[in-house]
N, C-alpha and C. Protein backbone atom coordinates (compact mmCIF):
# COMPACT_ATOMS: atom_id res chain seq x y z
N MET A 1 -8.36 58.97 -11.37
CA MET A 1 -8.80 60.03 -10.47
C MET A 1 -10.22 60.46 -10.84
N ALA A 2 -11.10 60.47 -9.86
CA ALA A 2 -12.49 60.83 -10.10
C ALA A 2 -12.62 62.35 -10.27
N VAL A 3 -13.48 62.73 -11.20
CA VAL A 3 -13.75 64.14 -11.44
C VAL A 3 -15.18 64.46 -11.06
N LYS A 4 -15.49 65.73 -10.91
CA LYS A 4 -16.82 66.13 -10.44
C LYS A 4 -17.80 66.45 -11.55
N THR A 5 -17.30 66.71 -12.77
CA THR A 5 -18.20 67.02 -13.88
C THR A 5 -17.83 66.17 -15.09
N PRO A 6 -18.81 65.87 -15.94
CA PRO A 6 -18.53 65.08 -17.15
C PRO A 6 -17.53 65.80 -18.06
N PRO A 7 -16.82 65.04 -18.87
CA PRO A 7 -15.86 65.65 -19.79
C PRO A 7 -16.57 66.45 -20.88
N SER A 8 -15.84 67.37 -21.50
CA SER A 8 -16.43 68.18 -22.56
C SER A 8 -16.58 67.37 -23.85
N ARG A 9 -15.86 66.25 -23.95
CA ARG A 9 -16.00 65.34 -25.09
C ARG A 9 -16.43 63.98 -24.57
N TYR A 10 -17.32 63.33 -25.30
CA TYR A 10 -17.85 62.04 -24.88
C TYR A 10 -16.78 60.96 -24.92
N SER A 11 -16.80 60.10 -23.92
CA SER A 11 -16.03 58.86 -23.92
C SER A 11 -16.92 57.79 -23.29
N ALA A 12 -16.72 56.55 -23.68
CA ALA A 12 -17.61 55.47 -23.25
C ALA A 12 -17.66 55.32 -21.73
N ASP A 13 -16.59 55.63 -21.05
CA ASP A 13 -16.54 55.44 -19.60
C ASP A 13 -16.70 56.74 -18.81
N TRP A 14 -17.31 57.73 -19.42
CA TRP A 14 -17.42 59.04 -18.78
C TRP A 14 -18.11 58.98 -17.42
N LEU A 15 -19.15 58.18 -17.30
CA LEU A 15 -19.91 58.13 -16.04
C LEU A 15 -19.08 57.46 -14.95
N ASP A 16 -18.31 56.43 -15.31
CA ASP A 16 -17.47 55.74 -14.34
C ASP A 16 -16.36 56.62 -13.80
N LYS A 17 -15.95 57.61 -14.56
CA LYS A 17 -14.85 58.49 -14.14
C LYS A 17 -15.30 59.60 -13.19
N LEU A 18 -16.61 59.78 -13.06
CA LEU A 18 -17.11 60.83 -12.16
C LEU A 18 -17.00 60.40 -10.70
N ASP A 19 -16.81 61.38 -9.84
CA ASP A 19 -16.78 61.14 -8.40
C ASP A 19 -18.19 60.76 -7.96
N GLY A 20 -18.35 59.54 -7.49
CA GLY A 20 -19.66 59.03 -7.09
C GLY A 20 -20.30 59.80 -5.95
N ARG A 21 -19.53 60.61 -5.25
CA ARG A 21 -20.07 61.40 -4.14
C ARG A 21 -20.66 62.72 -4.60
N SER A 22 -20.35 63.11 -5.83
CA SER A 22 -20.79 64.43 -6.31
C SER A 22 -22.27 64.42 -6.67
N ARG A 23 -22.88 65.57 -6.53
CA ARG A 23 -24.30 65.72 -6.87
C ARG A 23 -24.52 65.50 -8.36
N VAL A 24 -23.60 65.98 -9.19
CA VAL A 24 -23.72 65.79 -10.64
C VAL A 24 -23.76 64.31 -10.97
N TYR A 25 -22.86 63.53 -10.37
CA TYR A 25 -22.85 62.09 -10.62
C TYR A 25 -24.18 61.48 -10.22
N GLN A 26 -24.66 61.81 -9.04
CA GLN A 26 -25.89 61.21 -8.55
C GLN A 26 -27.07 61.50 -9.47
N VAL A 27 -27.17 62.73 -9.94
CA VAL A 27 -28.27 63.10 -10.85
C VAL A 27 -28.13 62.36 -12.18
N LEU A 28 -26.93 62.36 -12.74
CA LEU A 28 -26.73 61.72 -14.05
C LEU A 28 -26.85 60.21 -13.96
N LYS A 29 -26.39 59.62 -12.87
CA LYS A 29 -26.53 58.17 -12.68
C LYS A 29 -28.01 57.81 -12.58
N GLN A 30 -28.79 58.64 -11.88
CA GLN A 30 -30.23 58.39 -11.76
C GLN A 30 -30.90 58.48 -13.12
N ARG A 31 -30.52 59.47 -13.93
CA ARG A 31 -31.09 59.58 -15.27
C ARG A 31 -30.74 58.35 -16.10
N HIS A 32 -29.49 57.93 -16.01
CA HIS A 32 -29.04 56.75 -16.75
C HIS A 32 -29.83 55.52 -16.31
N ASP A 33 -29.96 55.34 -15.00
CA ASP A 33 -30.71 54.20 -14.48
C ASP A 33 -32.18 54.27 -14.89
N ASN A 34 -32.74 55.48 -14.93
CA ASN A 34 -34.14 55.63 -15.36
C ASN A 34 -34.33 55.18 -16.80
N ILE A 35 -33.40 55.55 -17.67
CA ILE A 35 -33.50 55.13 -19.07
C ILE A 35 -33.43 53.61 -19.15
N LEU A 36 -32.46 53.01 -18.46
CA LEU A 36 -32.32 51.55 -18.49
C LEU A 36 -33.58 50.88 -17.96
N SER A 37 -34.12 51.41 -16.88
CA SER A 37 -35.34 50.86 -16.30
C SER A 37 -36.52 51.00 -17.26
N ASP A 38 -36.63 52.16 -17.89
CA ASP A 38 -37.73 52.39 -18.84
C ASP A 38 -37.68 51.42 -20.01
N LEU A 39 -36.48 50.92 -20.30
CA LEU A 39 -36.32 49.99 -21.43
C LEU A 39 -36.34 48.54 -20.98
N GLY A 40 -36.79 48.29 -19.76
CA GLY A 40 -36.94 46.92 -19.28
C GLY A 40 -35.78 46.41 -18.46
N GLY A 41 -34.81 47.25 -18.17
CA GLY A 41 -33.66 46.85 -17.36
C GLY A 41 -32.47 46.47 -18.21
N PRO A 42 -31.27 46.65 -17.67
CA PRO A 42 -30.05 46.41 -18.46
C PRO A 42 -29.88 44.96 -18.90
N GLU A 43 -30.44 44.02 -18.14
CA GLU A 43 -30.27 42.61 -18.48
C GLU A 43 -30.87 42.28 -19.85
N GLY A 44 -31.97 42.93 -20.18
CA GLY A 44 -32.66 42.64 -21.43
C GLY A 44 -32.27 43.56 -22.58
N MET A 45 -31.31 44.45 -22.33
CA MET A 45 -30.92 45.42 -23.36
C MET A 45 -29.67 44.95 -24.09
N SER A 46 -29.59 45.31 -25.34
CA SER A 46 -28.39 45.01 -26.12
C SER A 46 -27.28 46.00 -25.75
N TYR A 47 -26.05 45.67 -26.16
CA TYR A 47 -24.93 46.59 -25.95
C TYR A 47 -25.24 47.92 -26.63
N ALA A 48 -25.78 47.86 -27.84
CA ALA A 48 -26.06 49.08 -28.59
C ALA A 48 -27.05 49.97 -27.84
N GLN A 49 -28.08 49.38 -27.24
CA GLN A 49 -29.05 50.17 -26.48
C GLN A 49 -28.40 50.82 -25.27
N ARG A 50 -27.56 50.06 -24.57
CA ARG A 50 -26.88 50.63 -23.40
C ARG A 50 -25.94 51.76 -23.81
N ALA A 51 -25.26 51.59 -24.95
CA ALA A 51 -24.35 52.64 -25.44
C ALA A 51 -25.13 53.89 -25.82
N LEU A 52 -26.28 53.73 -26.47
CA LEU A 52 -27.11 54.88 -26.83
C LEU A 52 -27.64 55.59 -25.59
N ALA A 53 -27.99 54.81 -24.56
CA ALA A 53 -28.48 55.41 -23.32
C ALA A 53 -27.40 56.27 -22.66
N SER A 54 -26.18 55.77 -22.64
CA SER A 54 -25.07 56.53 -22.06
C SER A 54 -24.84 57.82 -22.83
N ARG A 55 -24.90 57.74 -24.14
CA ARG A 55 -24.71 58.92 -24.97
C ARG A 55 -25.84 59.93 -24.77
N ALA A 56 -27.04 59.43 -24.62
CA ALA A 56 -28.19 60.33 -24.42
C ALA A 56 -28.05 61.12 -23.13
N VAL A 57 -27.63 60.46 -22.06
CA VAL A 57 -27.47 61.15 -20.78
C VAL A 57 -26.36 62.18 -20.86
N TRP A 58 -25.22 61.81 -21.48
CA TRP A 58 -24.12 62.77 -21.62
C TRP A 58 -24.56 63.97 -22.46
N LEU A 59 -25.26 63.71 -23.56
CA LEU A 59 -25.68 64.78 -24.45
C LEU A 59 -26.70 65.69 -23.78
N GLU A 60 -27.60 65.11 -23.00
CA GLU A 60 -28.56 65.92 -22.25
C GLU A 60 -27.83 66.86 -21.29
N TYR A 61 -26.80 66.35 -20.62
CA TYR A 61 -26.01 67.19 -19.72
C TYR A 61 -25.33 68.32 -20.51
N TRP A 62 -24.74 67.99 -21.66
CA TRP A 62 -24.06 68.99 -22.48
C TRP A 62 -25.04 70.09 -22.90
N ILE A 63 -26.23 69.69 -23.31
CA ILE A 63 -27.25 70.66 -23.73
C ILE A 63 -27.62 71.57 -22.56
N GLU A 64 -27.79 71.00 -21.37
CA GLU A 64 -28.11 71.81 -20.20
C GLU A 64 -27.00 72.81 -19.90
N GLN A 65 -25.74 72.41 -20.08
CA GLN A 65 -24.62 73.32 -19.87
C GLN A 65 -24.69 74.48 -20.86
N GLN A 66 -25.03 74.20 -22.10
CA GLN A 66 -25.13 75.25 -23.10
C GLN A 66 -26.26 76.21 -22.76
N GLU A 67 -27.38 75.67 -22.29
CA GLU A 67 -28.50 76.52 -21.89
C GLU A 67 -28.12 77.40 -20.70
N ARG A 68 -27.35 76.85 -19.78
CA ARG A 68 -26.88 77.62 -18.63
C ARG A 68 -25.95 78.74 -19.09
N ASN A 69 -25.06 78.43 -20.03
CA ASN A 69 -24.17 79.46 -20.59
C ASN A 69 -24.98 80.59 -21.22
N LEU A 70 -25.99 80.23 -22.00
CA LEU A 70 -26.83 81.24 -22.65
C LEU A 70 -27.53 82.11 -21.61
N ALA A 71 -28.10 81.47 -20.59
CA ALA A 71 -28.83 82.22 -19.56
C ALA A 71 -27.91 83.17 -18.79
N ASN A 72 -26.64 82.79 -18.65
CA ASN A 72 -25.70 83.61 -17.89
C ASN A 72 -24.89 84.55 -18.77
N GLY A 73 -25.24 84.64 -20.04
CA GLY A 73 -24.56 85.56 -20.94
C GLY A 73 -23.21 85.06 -21.42
N GLY A 74 -22.95 83.77 -21.28
CA GLY A 74 -21.68 83.20 -21.71
C GLY A 74 -21.70 82.81 -23.18
N ASP A 75 -20.64 82.11 -23.59
CA ASP A 75 -20.54 81.64 -24.98
C ASP A 75 -21.67 80.69 -25.31
N PHE A 76 -22.23 80.85 -26.50
CA PHE A 76 -23.32 79.98 -26.94
C PHE A 76 -23.26 79.88 -28.45
N ASP A 77 -23.18 78.64 -28.94
CA ASP A 77 -23.15 78.37 -30.37
C ASP A 77 -24.48 77.74 -30.74
N SER A 78 -25.36 78.51 -31.36
CA SER A 78 -26.71 78.03 -31.66
C SER A 78 -26.69 76.85 -32.63
N GLY A 79 -25.71 76.82 -33.53
CA GLY A 79 -25.61 75.70 -34.47
C GLY A 79 -25.30 74.39 -33.77
N ARG A 80 -24.29 74.42 -32.89
CA ARG A 80 -23.93 73.21 -32.15
C ARG A 80 -25.05 72.80 -31.21
N TYR A 81 -25.71 73.79 -30.61
CA TYR A 81 -26.82 73.51 -29.71
C TYR A 81 -27.95 72.81 -30.47
N THR A 82 -28.30 73.33 -31.63
CA THR A 82 -29.37 72.74 -32.44
C THR A 82 -28.99 71.32 -32.87
N GLN A 83 -27.75 71.13 -33.29
CA GLN A 83 -27.29 69.79 -33.66
C GLN A 83 -27.41 68.83 -32.49
N ALA A 84 -27.01 69.29 -31.31
CA ALA A 84 -27.06 68.44 -30.13
C ALA A 84 -28.50 68.08 -29.78
N CYS A 85 -29.41 69.05 -29.86
CA CYS A 85 -30.82 68.78 -29.58
C CYS A 85 -31.38 67.76 -30.57
N ASN A 86 -31.05 67.93 -31.84
CA ASN A 86 -31.51 66.98 -32.86
C ASN A 86 -30.92 65.60 -32.62
N SER A 87 -29.66 65.55 -32.23
CA SER A 87 -29.02 64.26 -31.94
C SER A 87 -29.67 63.58 -30.75
N LEU A 88 -29.96 64.35 -29.71
CA LEU A 88 -30.62 63.79 -28.53
C LEU A 88 -31.99 63.25 -28.90
N MET A 89 -32.74 64.00 -29.69
CA MET A 89 -34.05 63.52 -30.12
C MET A 89 -33.92 62.22 -30.91
N GLY A 90 -32.90 62.13 -31.76
CA GLY A 90 -32.67 60.91 -32.53
C GLY A 90 -32.32 59.73 -31.64
N LEU A 91 -31.45 59.95 -30.66
CA LEU A 91 -31.08 58.88 -29.73
C LEU A 91 -32.30 58.38 -28.96
N LEU A 92 -33.08 59.33 -28.44
CA LEU A 92 -34.25 58.94 -27.66
C LEU A 92 -35.30 58.25 -28.52
N ALA A 93 -35.46 58.71 -29.76
CA ALA A 93 -36.41 58.06 -30.67
C ALA A 93 -35.95 56.64 -30.99
N LYS A 94 -34.64 56.46 -31.18
CA LYS A 94 -34.10 55.13 -31.47
C LYS A 94 -34.28 54.19 -30.28
N LEU A 95 -34.09 54.73 -29.08
CA LEU A 95 -34.27 53.92 -27.88
C LEU A 95 -35.75 53.63 -27.63
N GLY A 96 -36.59 54.55 -27.99
CA GLY A 96 -38.03 54.39 -27.77
C GLY A 96 -38.49 55.29 -26.65
N LEU A 97 -39.61 55.93 -26.86
CA LEU A 97 -40.13 56.87 -25.88
C LEU A 97 -41.13 56.24 -24.92
N LYS A 98 -41.53 55.00 -25.20
CA LYS A 98 -42.48 54.31 -24.33
C LYS A 98 -41.74 53.37 -23.40
N ARG A 99 -42.25 53.28 -22.20
CA ARG A 99 -41.66 52.35 -21.23
C ARG A 99 -41.96 50.93 -21.63
N GLN A 100 -41.04 50.04 -21.31
CA GLN A 100 -41.19 48.63 -21.62
C GLN A 100 -41.16 47.84 -20.32
N ALA A 101 -42.05 46.88 -20.23
CA ALA A 101 -42.09 46.05 -19.03
C ALA A 101 -40.87 45.14 -18.98
N LYS A 102 -40.38 44.94 -17.78
CA LYS A 102 -39.25 44.04 -17.60
C LYS A 102 -39.76 42.61 -17.64
N ASP A 103 -39.07 41.75 -18.39
CA ASP A 103 -39.43 40.34 -18.42
C ASP A 103 -39.04 39.73 -17.08
N ILE A 104 -39.99 39.08 -16.44
CA ILE A 104 -39.73 38.49 -15.14
C ILE A 104 -40.11 37.01 -15.19
N THR A 105 -39.23 36.17 -14.69
CA THR A 105 -39.48 34.73 -14.68
C THR A 105 -40.25 34.37 -13.41
N LEU A 106 -40.78 33.17 -13.39
CA LEU A 106 -41.49 32.70 -12.21
C LEU A 106 -40.54 32.67 -11.01
N ALA A 107 -39.31 32.23 -11.23
CA ALA A 107 -38.32 32.19 -10.14
C ALA A 107 -38.05 33.59 -9.60
N ASP A 108 -37.95 34.57 -10.49
CA ASP A 108 -37.74 35.96 -10.06
C ASP A 108 -38.92 36.45 -9.24
N TYR A 109 -40.12 36.12 -9.68
CA TYR A 109 -41.33 36.54 -8.98
C TYR A 109 -41.37 35.94 -7.58
N ILE A 110 -41.08 34.65 -7.48
CA ILE A 110 -41.10 33.98 -6.17
C ILE A 110 -40.04 34.58 -5.25
N LYS A 111 -38.84 34.81 -5.78
CA LYS A 111 -37.76 35.39 -4.99
C LYS A 111 -38.15 36.79 -4.50
N GLN A 112 -38.80 37.55 -5.36
CA GLN A 112 -39.23 38.90 -5.00
C GLN A 112 -40.30 38.85 -3.90
N ARG A 113 -41.22 37.92 -4.02
CA ARG A 113 -42.29 37.78 -3.02
C ARG A 113 -41.72 37.37 -1.67
N GLU A 114 -40.76 36.44 -1.69
CA GLU A 114 -40.15 35.99 -0.43
C GLU A 114 -39.37 37.12 0.23
N ALA A 115 -38.72 37.93 -0.56
CA ALA A 115 -37.93 39.04 -0.02
C ALA A 115 -38.82 40.10 0.62
N SER A 116 -40.02 40.29 0.09
CA SER A 116 -40.91 41.33 0.62
C SER A 116 -41.77 40.83 1.78
N ALA A 117 -41.74 39.53 2.04
CA ALA A 117 -42.57 38.96 3.13
C ALA A 117 -41.92 39.09 4.47
């Protein structure tokens, strides 16, 4: 059964469990795709890189939820928030902050040119 918001605890398939029609899914899927694209595309990424990217997107969402709670006067644990921010920085640093060009073969280039003509 698809849900509209990510789980409160990380699981490897958290993004797949979200309702693809929801705005939250669309935003988080776009962020996930942006990270994969920035790293040269999923084809050239290792399993570990893809796993870190998924965790980074989930953690970024969790951090935003905590900030929303704080802004609205709700529960806020500054220790967990700080840990999460540090973890996100570590994940992003491990993945790399610079964009990487996607390796493209001559066949890919020709196919792309034919498709755009």
